[in-house]
């Protein structure tokens, strides 16, 4: 199976786990770009990185 290297954390994962829903999650794209200005949304990100960004937002929203 083809491998994909997450541009945010550098972890290698299987290509089918590459995740980013650009239209539905523009807030997520904006947050990643603030922390990783070199990142291109078309490159996507791995599920653990996406979940970490979502968890940070949920923690902030529940405060």
PDB file of N, CA and C in Angstrom:
ATOM      1  N   UNK A   1       0.829  -1.182   0.000  1.00  0.00           N
ATOM      2  CA  UNK A   1       0.000   0.000   0.000  1.00  0.00           C
ATOM      3  C   UNK A   1       0.877   1.250   0.000  1.00  0.00           C
ATOM      4  N   UNK A   2       0.437   2.262  -0.733  1.00  0.00           N
ATOM      5  CA  UNK A   2       1.213   3.499  -0.759  1.00  0.00           C
ATOM      6  C   UNK A   2       1.250   4.157   0.619  1.00  0.00           C
ATOM      7  N   UNK A   3       2.358   4.768   0.912  1.00  0.00           N
ATOM      8  CA  UNK A   3       2.535   5.448   2.183  1.00  0.00           C
ATOM      9  C   UNK A   3       2.394   6.953   1.983  1.00  0.00           C
ATOM     10  N   UNK A   4       1.948   7.615   3.009  1.00  0.00           N
ATOM     11  CA  UNK A   4       1.775   9.062   3.002  1.00  0.00           C
ATOM     12  C   UNK A   4       2.483   9.596   4.234  1.00  0.00           C
ATOM     13  N   UNK A   5       3.268  10.653   4.089  1.00  0.00           N
ATOM     14  CA  UNK A   5       3.937  11.281   5.212  1.00  0.00           C
ATOM     15  C   UNK A   5       3.196  12.556   5.549  1.00  0.00           C
ATOM     16  N   UNK A   6       2.683  12.632   6.768  1.00  0.00           N
ATOM     17  CA  UNK A   6       1.950  13.815   7.207  1.00  0.00           C
ATOM     18  C   UNK A   6       2.896  15.013   7.220  1.00  0.00           C
ATOM     19  N   UNK A   7       2.539  16.115   6.545  1.00  0.00           N
ATOM     20  CA  UNK A   7       3.415  17.280   6.518  1.00  0.00           C
ATOM     21  C   UNK A   7       3.441  18.037   7.843  1.00  0.00           C
ATOM     22  N   UNK A   8       2.554  17.706   8.773  1.00  0.00           N
ATOM     23  CA  UNK A   8       2.523  18.388  10.060  1.00  0.00           C
ATOM     24  C   UNK A   8       3.392  17.706  11.103  1.00  0.00           C
ATOM     25  N   UNK A   9       3.289  16.378  11.216  1.00  0.00           N
ATOM     26  CA  UNK A   9       4.027  15.666  12.263  1.00  0.00           C
ATOM     27  C   UNK A   9       5.137  14.776  11.722  1.00  0.00           C
ATOM     28  N   UNK A  10       5.129  14.488  10.410  1.00  0.00           N
ATOM     29  CA  UNK A  10       6.161  13.661   9.815  1.00  0.00           C
ATOM     30  C   UNK A  10       5.918  12.168   9.914  1.00  0.00           C
ATOM     31  N   UNK A  11       4.794  11.749  10.499  1.00  0.00           N
ATOM     32  CA  UNK A  11       4.490  10.322  10.608  1.00  0.00           C
ATOM     33  C   UNK A  11       4.083   9.744   9.263  1.00  0.00           C
ATOM     34  N   UNK A  12       4.525   8.531   9.002  1.00  0.00           N
ATOM     35  CA  UNK A  12       4.133   7.824   7.780  1.00  0.00           C
ATOM     36  C   UNK A  12       2.893   6.996   8.090  1.00  0.00           C
ATOM     37  N   UNK A  13       1.881   7.121   7.254  1.00  0.00           N
ATOM     38  CA  UNK A  13       0.637   6.377   7.420  1.00  0.00           C
ATOM     39  C   UNK A  13       0.205   5.847   6.063  1.00  0.00           C
ATOM     40  N   UNK A  14      -0.795   4.989   6.054  1.00  0.00           N
ATOM     41  CA  UNK A  14      -1.333   4.499   4.792  1.00  0.00           C
ATOM     42  C   UNK A  14      -2.112   5.622   4.119  1.00  0.00           C
ATOM     43  N   UNK A  15      -2.005   5.704   2.834  1.00  0.00           N
ATOM     44  CA  UNK A  15      -2.612   6.784   2.052  1.00  0.00           C
ATOM     45  C   UNK A  15      -4.098   6.947   2.333  1.00  0.00           C
ATOM     46  N   UNK A  16      -4.832   5.857   2.530  1.00  0.00           N
ATOM     47  CA  UNK A  16      -6.281   5.975   2.705  1.00  0.00           C
ATOM     48  C   UNK A  16      -6.664   6.654   4.024  1.00  0.00           C
ATOM     49  N   UNK A  17      -5.710   6.822   4.938  1.00  0.00           N
ATOM     50  CA  UNK A  17      -6.020   7.503   6.198  1.00  0.00           C
ATOM     51  C   UNK A  17      -5.748   9.001   6.144  1.00  0.00           C
ATOM     52  N   UNK A  18      -5.304   9.462   5.010  1.00  0.00           N
ATOM     53  CA  UNK A  18      -5.081  10.894   4.817  1.00  0.00           C
ATOM     54  C   UNK A  18      -6.437  11.596   4.872  1.00  0.00           C
ATOM     55  N   UNK A  19      -6.520  12.607   5.691  1.00  0.00           N
ATOM     56  CA  UNK A  19      -7.819  13.206   5.961  1.00  0.00           C
ATOM     57  C   UNK A  19      -7.750  14.725   5.945  1.00  0.00           C
ATOM     58  N   UNK A  20      -8.691  15.339   5.299  1.00  0.00           N
ATOM     59  CA  UNK A  20      -8.971  16.759   5.472  1.00  0.00           C
ATOM     60  C   UNK A  20     -10.170  17.114   4.619  1.00  0.00           C
ATOM     61  N   UNK A  21     -11.187  17.598   5.247  1.00  0.00           N
ATOM     62  CA  UNK A  21     -12.412  17.959   4.550  1.00  0.00           C
ATOM     63  C   UNK A  21     -12.433  19.472   4.388  1.00  0.00           C
ATOM     64  N   UNK A  22     -11.857  19.928   3.303  1.00  0.00           N
ATOM     65  CA  UNK A  22     -11.586  21.338   3.097  1.00  0.00           C
ATOM     66  C   UNK A  22     -12.826  22.218   3.192  1.00  0.00           C
ATOM     67  N   UNK A  23     -13.903  21.855   2.548  1.00  0.00           N
ATOM     68  CA  UNK A  23     -15.073  22.720   2.546  1.00  0.00           C
ATOM     69  C   UNK A  23     -15.731  22.796   3.918  1.00  0.00           C
ATOM     70  N   UNK A  24     -15.846  21.690   4.592  1.00  0.00           N
ATOM     71  CA  UNK A  24     -16.567  21.643   5.859  1.00  0.00           C
ATOM     72  C   UNK A  24     -15.749  22.173   7.029  1.00  0.00           C
ATOM     73  N   UNK A  25     -14.449  22.240   6.904  1.00  0.00           N
ATOM     74  CA  UNK A  25     -13.622  22.560   8.055  1.00  0.00           C
ATOM     75  C   UNK A  25     -12.611  23.666   7.769  1.00  0.00           C
ATOM     76  N   UNK A  26     -13.099  24.778   7.237  1.00  0.00           N
ATOM     77  CA  UNK A  26     -12.213  25.897   6.927  1.00  0.00           C
ATOM     78  C   UNK A  26     -11.527  26.420   8.190  1.00  0.00           C
ATOM     79  N   UNK A  27     -12.210  26.394   9.334  1.00  0.00           N
ATOM     80  CA  UNK A  27     -11.596  26.836  10.587  1.00  0.00           C
ATOM     81  C   UNK A  27     -10.350  26.024  10.893  1.00  0.00           C
ATOM     82  N   UNK A  28     -10.418  24.721  10.583  1.00  0.00           N
ATOM     83  CA  UNK A  28      -9.296  23.825  10.839  1.00  0.00           C
ATOM     84  C   UNK A  28      -8.119  24.176   9.929  1.00  0.00           C
ATOM     85  N   UNK A  29      -8.412  24.413   8.681  1.00  0.00           N
ATOM     86  CA  UNK A  29      -7.375  24.806   7.729  1.00  0.00           C
ATOM     87  C   UNK A  29      -6.696  26.090   8.187  1.00  0.00           C
ATOM     88  N   UNK A  30      -7.493  27.057   8.611  1.00  0.00           N
ATOM     89  CA  UNK A  30      -6.931  28.332   9.070  1.00  0.00           C
ATOM     90  C   UNK A  30      -6.035  28.146  10.289  1.00  0.00           C
ATOM     91  N   UNK A  31      -6.467  27.314  11.230  1.00  0.00           N
ATOM     92  CA  UNK A  31      -5.672  27.081  12.439  1.00  0.00           C
ATOM     93  C   UNK A  31      -4.346  26.393  12.091  1.00  0.00           C
ATOM     94  N   UNK A  32      -4.402  25.377  11.224  1.00  0.00           N
ATOM     95  CA  UNK A  32      -3.166  24.687  10.831  1.00  0.00           C
ATOM     96  C   UNK A  32      -2.218  25.660  10.138  1.00  0.00           C
ATOM     97  N   UNK A  33      -2.748  26.482   9.246  1.00  0.00           N
ATOM     98  CA  UNK A  33      -1.891  27.425   8.511  1.00  0.00           C
ATOM     99  C   UNK A  33      -1.253  28.456   9.435  1.00  0.00           C
ATOM    100  N   UNK A  34      -1.931  28.803  10.529  1.00  0.00           N
ATOM    101  CA  UNK A  34      -1.319  29.733  11.483  1.00  0.00           C
ATOM    102  C   UNK A  34      -0.093  29.099  12.143  1.00  0.00           C
ATOM    103  N   UNK A  35      -0.171  27.807  12.427  1.00  0.00           N
ATOM    104  CA  UNK A  35       0.944  27.128  13.083  1.00  0.00           C
ATOM    105  C   UNK A  35       1.957  26.547  12.104  1.00  0.00           C
ATOM    106  N   UNK A  36       1.525  26.295  10.884  1.00  0.00           N
ATOM    107  CA  UNK A  36       2.385  25.704   9.850  1.00  0.00           C
ATOM    108  C   UNK A  36       2.179  26.480   8.545  1.00  0.00           C
ATOM    109  N   UNK A  37       2.729  27.697   8.438  1.00  0.00           N
ATOM    110  CA  UNK A  37       2.477  28.530   7.251  1.00  0.00           C
ATOM    111  C   UNK A  37       2.934  27.897   5.938  1.00  0.00           C
ATOM    112  N   UNK A  38       3.850  26.954   6.004  1.00  0.00           N
ATOM    113  CA  UNK A  38       4.343  26.299   4.786  1.00  0.00           C
ATOM    114  C   UNK A  38       3.395  25.217   4.280  1.00  0.00           C
ATOM    115  N   UNK A  39       2.422  24.837   5.113  1.00  0.00           N
ATOM    116  CA  UNK A  39       1.495  23.751   4.799  1.00  0.00           C
ATOM    117  C   UNK A  39       0.531  24.157   3.685  1.00  0.00           C
ATOM    118  N   UNK A  40       0.266  23.210   2.786  1.00  0.00           N
ATOM    119  CA  UNK A  40      -0.685  23.406   1.695  1.00  0.00           C
ATOM    120  C   UNK A  40      -1.856  22.468   1.951  1.00  0.00           C
ATOM    121  N   UNK A  41      -3.074  22.996   1.996  1.00  0.00           N
ATOM    122  CA  UNK A  41      -4.224  22.168   2.360  1.00  0.00           C
ATOM    123  C   UNK A  41      -4.423  20.980   1.424  1.00  0.00           C
ATOM    124  N   UNK A  42      -4.028  21.113   0.174  1.00  0.00           N
ATOM    125  CA  UNK A  42      -4.158  19.999  -0.766  1.00  0.00           C
ATOM    126  C   UNK A  42      -3.292  18.807  -0.349  1.00  0.00           C
ATOM    127  N   UNK A  43      -2.273  19.045   0.492  1.00  0.00           N
ATOM    128  CA  UNK A  43      -1.422  17.965   0.981  1.00  0.00           C
ATOM    129  C   UNK A  43      -2.126  17.137   2.046  1.00  0.00           C
ATOM    130  N   UNK A  44      -3.182  17.690   2.644  1.00  0.00           N
ATOM    131  CA  UNK A  44      -3.913  16.974   3.680  1.00  0.00           C
ATOM    132  C   UNK A  44      -3.114  16.861   4.958  1.00  0.00           C
ATOM    133  N   UNK A  45      -3.555  15.975   5.815  1.00  0.00           N
ATOM    134  CA  UNK A  45      -2.888  15.717   7.085  1.00  0.00           C
ATOM    135  C   UNK A  45      -3.383  14.368   7.591  1.00  0.00           C
ATOM    136  N   UNK A  46      -2.630  13.773   8.492  1.00  0.00           N
ATOM    137  CA  UNK A  46      -3.037  12.469   9.012  1.00  0.00           C
ATOM    138  C   UNK A  46      -4.159  12.641  10.039  1.00  0.00           C
ATOM    139  N   UNK A  47      -4.894  11.581  10.262  1.00  0.00           N
ATOM    140  CA  UNK A  47      -6.023  11.615  11.204  1.00  0.00           C
ATOM    141  C   UNK A  47      -5.610  12.022  12.615  1.00  0.00           C
ATOM    142  N   UNK A  48      -4.489  11.521  13.157  1.00  0.00           N
ATOM    143  CA  UNK A  48      -4.114  11.951  14.507  1.00  0.00           C
ATOM    144  C   UNK A  48      -3.885  13.464  14.615  1.00  0.00           C
ATOM    145  N   UNK A  49      -3.288  14.069  13.607  1.00  0.00           N
ATOM    146  CA  UNK A  49      -3.086  15.524  13.640  1.00  0.00           C
ATOM    147  C   UNK A  49      -4.424  16.247  13.562  1.00  0.00           C
ATOM    148  N   UNK A  50      -5.296  15.816  12.677  1.00  0.00           N
ATOM    149  CA  UNK A  50      -6.605  16.449  12.546  1.00  0.00           C
ATOM    150  C   UNK A  50      -7.371  16.326  13.860  1.00  0.00           C
ATOM    151  N   UNK A  51      -7.348  15.146  14.464  1.00  0.00           N
ATOM    152  CA  UNK A  51      -8.061  14.949  15.727  1.00  0.00           C
ATOM    153  C   UNK A  51      -7.470  15.805  16.838  1.00  0.00           C
ATOM    154  N   UNK A  52      -6.167  16.002  16.833  1.00  0.00           N
ATOM    155  CA  UNK A  52      -5.529  16.849  17.851  1.00  0.00           C
ATOM    156  C   UNK A  52      -5.991  18.293  17.711  1.00  0.00           C
ATOM    157  N   UNK A  53      -6.070  18.791  16.491  1.00  0.00           N
ATOM    158  CA  UNK A  53      -6.563  20.162  16.275  1.00  0.00           C
ATOM    159  C   UNK A  53      -8.023  20.287  16.684  1.00  0.00           C
ATOM    160  N   UNK A  54      -8.823  19.287  16.386  1.00  0.00           N
ATOM    161  CA  UNK A  54     -10.233  19.312  16.773  1.00  0.00           C
ATOM    162  C   UNK A  54     -10.368  19.288  18.294  1.00  0.00           C
ATOM    163  N   UNK A  55      -9.557  18.472  18.957  1.00  0.00           N
ATOM    164  CA  UNK A  55      -9.617  18.371  20.411  1.00  0.00           C
ATOM    165  C   UNK A  55      -9.247  19.697  21.067  1.00  0.00           C
ATOM    166  N   UNK A  56      -8.260  20.392  20.507  1.00  0.00           N
ATOM    167  CA  UNK A  56      -7.878  21.699  21.049  1.00  0.00           C
ATOM    168  C   UNK A  56      -9.041  22.673  20.947  1.00  0.00           C
ATOM    169  N   UNK A  57      -9.766  22.630  19.834  1.00  0.00           N
ATOM    170  CA  UNK A  57     -10.899  23.526  19.664  1.00  0.00           C
ATOM    171  C   UNK A  57     -12.011  23.165  20.633  1.00  0.00           C
ATOM    172  N   UNK A  58     -12.298  21.888  20.788  1.00  0.00           N
ATOM    173  CA  UNK A  58     -13.339  21.449  21.713  1.00  0.00           C
ATOM    174  C   UNK A  58     -12.999  21.849  23.140  1.00  0.00           C
ATOM    175  N   UNK A  59     -11.735  21.719  23.516  1.00  0.00           N
ATOM    176  CA  UNK A  59     -11.313  22.099  24.865  1.00  0.00           C
ATOM    177  C   UNK A  59     -11.480  23.606  25.065  1.00  0.00           C
ATOM    178  N   UNK A  60     -11.136  24.365  24.052  1.00  0.00           N
ATOM    179  CA  UNK A  60     -11.282  25.818  24.118  1.00  0.00           C
ATOM    180  C   UNK A  60     -12.751  26.211  24.205  1.00  0.00           C
ATOM    181  N   UNK A  61     -13.582  25.569  23.411  1.00  0.00           N
ATOM    182  CA  UNK A  61     -15.008  25.886  23.377  1.00  0.00           C
ATOM    183  C   UNK A  61     -15.721  25.511  24.671  1.00  0.00           C
ATOM    184  N   UNK A  62     -15.232  24.495  25.363  1.00  0.00           N
ATOM    185  CA  UNK A  62     -15.889  24.051  26.591  1.00  0.00           C
ATOM    186  C   UNK A  62     -15.420  24.835  27.818  1.00  0.00           C
ATOM    187  N   UNK A  63     -14.412  25.662  27.638  1.00  0.00           N
ATOM    188  CA  UNK A  63     -13.895  26.465  28.769  1.00  0.00           C
ATOM    189  C   UNK A  63     -14.803  27.619  29.110  1.00  0.00           C
TER     190      UNK A  63
END
